[in-house]
Amino acid sequence: MACVAGRRVAQELLTSAAMPKAREALQLGLVDDVVPSSDLMAAAEKRMVKMLKVPSNGYAVTKAALRNDLAIAWDAYMPAEIETVYAILSSKECVNALGRVKARLSSGSTSQKAKL
């Protein structure tokens, strides 16, 4: 997301769990197009036909080249990410919060007002 929308936008969306509206997502480059729901299938089919015209080996090479830097950076960061995620998920606060979520889901309650 940071590569497409920029680090500042990605950080804001990810840390706030914000879901941009369709037009905003289009402006940010997160989606390719916005169409009315009545035109969705026709637009998807048109996009699919266009994508199928691109030779698959050319598409794969281009995609790999564009993502190579990301893959290298992600691979280098992975050990630190694993440690960080483990520390967060095993923290008392997270374990307690997940326990409350599990209890709520197990209760069969569909109320959005259930306190987590």
Protein backbone atom coordinates (compact mmCIF):
# COMPACT_ATOMS: atom_id res chain seq x y z
CA MET A 1 0.00 0.00 0.00
CA ALA A 2 2.84 2.37 0.84
CA CYS A 3 4.30 1.84 -2.64
CA VAL A 4 1.01 2.83 -4.26
CA ALA A 5 -0.51 5.48 -2.00
CA GLY A 6 2.60 6.69 -0.18
CA ARG A 7 3.85 6.00 3.33
CA ARG A 8 1.86 8.74 5.04
CA VAL A 9 -1.46 7.66 3.51
CA ALA A 10 -0.73 3.97 4.14
CA GLN A 11 0.17 4.65 7.77
CA GLU A 12 -2.99 6.68 8.31
CA LEU A 13 -5.26 4.06 6.74
CA LEU A 14 -3.61 1.10 8.45
CA THR A 15 -3.30 2.59 11.93
CA SER A 16 -6.81 4.01 11.96
CA ALA A 17 -8.42 0.99 10.25
CA ALA A 18 -10.08 3.55 7.98
CA MET A 19 -11.85 2.30 4.88
CA PRO A 20 -11.69 4.95 2.13
CA LYS A 21 -14.76 5.57 0.03
CA ALA A 22 -14.63 4.29 -3.55
CA ARG A 23 -13.70 7.62 -5.15
CA GLU A 24 -10.98 8.26 -2.55
CA ALA A 25 -9.56 4.77 -3.11
CA LEU A 26 -9.47 5.53 -6.83
CA GLN A 27 -7.67 8.83 -6.26
CA LEU A 28 -5.15 7.08 -4.01
CA GLY A 29 -4.50 4.44 -6.66
CA LEU A 30 -5.79 1.61 -4.47
CA VAL A 31 -8.36 0.53 -7.06
CA ASP A 32 -8.29 0.66 -10.86
CA ASP A 33 -11.82 1.86 -11.46
CA VAL A 34 -15.11 2.75 -9.81
CA VAL A 35 -18.31 1.76 -11.56
CA PRO A 36 -21.96 1.60 -10.55
CA SER A 37 -22.95 -1.82 -9.19
CA SER A 38 -25.25 -2.30 -12.19
CA ASP A 39 -22.18 -2.09 -14.49
CA LEU A 40 -19.85 -4.16 -12.32
CA MET A 41 -19.94 -7.44 -14.28
CA ALA A 42 -19.52 -5.72 -17.64
CA ALA A 43 -16.58 -3.68 -16.32
CA ALA A 44 -14.96 -6.75 -14.77
CA GLU A 45 -15.32 -8.72 -18.00
CA LYS A 46 -13.86 -5.85 -20.01
CA ARG A 47 -10.88 -5.68 -17.63
CA MET A 48 -10.43 -9.46 -17.77
CA VAL A 49 -10.40 -9.49 -21.58
CA LYS A 50 -7.77 -6.74 -21.55
CA MET A 51 -5.61 -8.64 -19.05
CA LEU A 52 -5.90 -11.90 -21.01
CA LYS A 53 -4.41 -10.18 -24.07
CA VAL A 54 -1.13 -9.65 -22.20
CA PRO A 55 1.23 -12.62 -22.68
CA SER A 56 1.38 -14.49 -19.37
CA ASN A 57 5.17 -14.79 -19.34
CA GLY A 58 5.54 -11.05 -19.97
CA TYR A 59 3.06 -10.31 -17.21
CA ALA A 60 4.90 -12.59 -14.77
CA VAL A 61 8.30 -11.07 -15.54
CA THR A 62 6.98 -7.52 -15.21
CA LYS A 63 5.19 -8.30 -11.95
CA ALA A 64 8.30 -9.97 -10.49
CA ALA A 65 10.51 -7.03 -11.51
CA LEU A 66 8.16 -4.50 -9.95
CA ARG A 67 7.87 -6.46 -6.71
CA ASN A 68 11.53 -7.50 -6.37
CA ASP A 69 12.57 -4.60 -4.12
CA LEU A 70 9.56 -5.21 -1.89
CA ALA A 71 10.34 -8.93 -1.65
CA ILE A 72 13.98 -8.26 -0.72
CA ALA A 73 13.01 -5.69 1.93
CA TRP A 74 10.29 -7.94 3.34
CA ASP A 75 12.65 -10.90 3.52
CA ALA A 76 15.25 -8.81 5.37
CA TYR A 77 12.67 -7.51 7.84
CA MET A 78 10.96 -10.86 8.48
CA PRO A 79 12.98 -11.95 11.58
CA ALA A 80 12.31 -8.63 13.32
CA GLU A 81 8.66 -8.73 12.28
CA ILE A 82 8.24 -12.22 13.72
CA GLU A 83 9.69 -11.11 17.06
CA THR A 84 7.55 -7.98 17.15
CA VAL A 85 4.34 -9.79 16.26
CA TYR A 86 5.02 -12.53 18.80
CA ALA A 87 5.66 -9.94 21.52
CA ILE A 88 2.41 -8.16 20.70
CA LEU A 89 0.27 -11.29 20.41
CA SER A 90 1.66 -12.82 23.60
CA SER A 91 1.26 -9.63 25.65
CA LYS A 92 -1.20 -9.81 28.54
CA GLU A 93 -3.37 -7.08 27.01
CA CYS A 94 -3.65 -8.83 23.65
CA VAL A 95 -4.29 -12.26 25.15
CA ASN A 96 -7.05 -10.78 27.33
CA ALA A 97 -8.59 -8.91 24.39
CA LEU A 98 -8.52 -12.02 22.20
CA GLY A 99 -10.09 -13.99 25.04
CA ARG A 100 -12.95 -11.49 25.19
CA VAL A 101 -13.42 -11.70 21.42
CA LYS A 102 -13.43 -15.50 21.58
CA ALA A 103 -15.99 -15.45 24.38
CA ARG A 104 -18.20 -13.05 22.43
CA LEU A 105 -17.99 -15.13 19.27
CA SER A 106 -18.65 -18.33 21.22
CA SER A 107 -21.73 -16.87 22.85
CA GLY A 108 -23.58 -16.61 19.56
CA SER A 109 -24.44 -12.98 20.24
CA THR A 110 -24.70 -10.86 17.14
CA SER A 111 -24.94 -7.61 19.05
CA GLN A 112 -22.48 -4.98 17.91
CA LYS A 113 -22.78 -3.42 21.36
CA ALA A 114 -21.02 -6.30 23.09
CA LYS A 115 -18.18 -4.83 25.08
CA LEU A 116 -14.75 -6.01 24.08
